[in-house]
């Protein structure tokens, strides 16, 4: 699973990284977390307001820090999709 934090480094972006890392740790999934901080790269996702969170290339939220529970739910959804796809 690939999780990307989209933002230039503002306090909200740092908080999103913190919450995301905790959600990953709590769920025990294997995930690569990376930071996308170049404006041009962020805009390639169609994101106009940061912070934003993308999971496996799909933007899940923009302009706010989601709760840890929201992030965990997105992770679970992806795990369930993988099970239904024969993975």
Protein backbone atom coordinates (compact mmCIF):
# COMPACT_ATOMS: atom_id res chain seq x y z
CA UNK A 1 0.00 0.00 0.00
CA UNK A 2 1.32 3.43 -0.91
CA UNK A 3 0.23 6.46 1.09
CA UNK A 4 1.20 9.97 0.09
CA UNK A 5 0.96 13.13 2.16
CA UNK A 6 0.50 16.07 -0.20
CA UNK A 7 1.58 19.40 1.23
CA UNK A 8 4.36 21.93 1.48
CA UNK A 9 5.23 21.38 5.13
CA UNK A 10 2.72 23.52 7.01
CA UNK A 11 1.64 22.52 10.54
CA UNK A 12 -1.48 20.78 9.16
CA UNK A 13 0.68 18.76 6.75
CA UNK A 14 2.92 17.65 9.60
CA UNK A 15 -0.14 16.72 11.67
CA UNK A 16 -1.49 14.66 8.77
CA UNK A 17 1.80 12.76 8.61
CA UNK A 18 1.65 12.11 12.36
CA UNK A 19 -1.97 10.86 12.28
CA UNK A 20 -1.30 8.71 9.20
CA UNK A 21 1.76 7.07 10.75
CA UNK A 22 -0.22 6.26 13.88
CA UNK A 23 -3.11 4.78 11.87
CA UNK A 24 -0.69 2.59 9.91
CA UNK A 25 1.01 1.42 13.09
CA UNK A 26 -2.32 0.67 14.80
CA UNK A 27 -3.68 -1.33 11.85
CA UNK A 28 -0.44 -3.25 11.40
CA UNK A 29 -0.53 -3.03 7.60
CA UNK A 30 2.55 -2.78 5.48
CA UNK A 31 2.56 0.64 3.86
CA UNK A 32 5.02 3.02 2.27
CA UNK A 33 4.39 6.59 3.40
CA UNK A 34 5.91 9.39 1.35
CA UNK A 35 5.70 13.17 1.30
CA UNK A 36 4.88 15.06 -1.89
CA UNK A 37 5.86 18.68 -1.36
CA UNK A 38 6.46 20.14 -4.83
CA UNK A 39 3.52 22.29 -5.89
CA UNK A 40 3.63 20.98 -9.47
CA UNK A 41 3.48 17.36 -8.24
CA UNK A 42 0.60 18.16 -5.87
CA UNK A 43 -1.32 19.83 -8.70
CA UNK A 44 -0.87 16.71 -10.84
CA UNK A 45 -3.25 15.01 -8.39
CA UNK A 46 -5.82 17.74 -9.01
CA UNK A 47 -5.34 19.02 -5.46
CA UNK A 48 -5.76 22.75 -4.99
CA UNK A 49 -5.91 22.86 -1.17
CA UNK A 50 -3.50 21.11 1.17
CA UNK A 51 -2.99 19.07 3.17
CA UNK A 52 -4.21 16.12 1.15
CA UNK A 53 -3.90 12.37 1.49
CA UNK A 54 -3.65 9.91 -1.40
CA UNK A 55 -3.85 6.16 -0.96
CA UNK A 56 -2.59 4.03 -3.85
CA UNK A 57 -2.74 7.10 -6.09
CA UNK A 58 -6.33 8.05 -5.21
CA UNK A 59 -6.91 11.30 -3.32
CA UNK A 60 -9.02 10.57 -0.25
CA UNK A 61 -9.18 14.01 1.40
CA UNK A 62 -8.07 17.59 0.75
CA UNK A 63 -7.94 20.75 2.82
CA UNK A 64 -8.15 19.13 6.24
CA UNK A 65 -6.58 16.59 8.53
CA UNK A 66 -8.80 13.50 8.65
CA UNK A 67 -9.26 11.61 11.89
CA UNK A 68 -7.21 8.53 12.59
CA UNK A 69 -10.43 6.49 12.31
CA UNK A 70 -11.10 7.83 8.80
CA UNK A 71 -7.63 6.80 7.69
CA UNK A 72 -8.05 3.36 9.26
CA UNK A 73 -11.36 2.93 7.40
CA UNK A 74 -9.70 3.77 4.05
CA UNK A 75 -6.99 1.24 4.78
CA UNK A 76 -9.57 -1.43 5.65
CA UNK A 77 -11.54 -0.66 2.47
CA UNK A 78 -8.42 -1.22 0.37
CA UNK A 79 -7.63 -4.45 2.19
CA UNK A 80 -11.17 -5.69 1.54
CA UNK A 81 -10.96 -4.70 -2.14
CA UNK A 82 -7.78 -6.73 -2.42
CA UNK A 83 -9.48 -9.78 -0.92
CA UNK A 84 -12.37 -9.50 -3.38
CA UNK A 85 -9.98 -9.16 -6.31
CA UNK A 86 -8.32 -12.47 -5.53
CA UNK A 87 -5.23 -10.97 -3.93
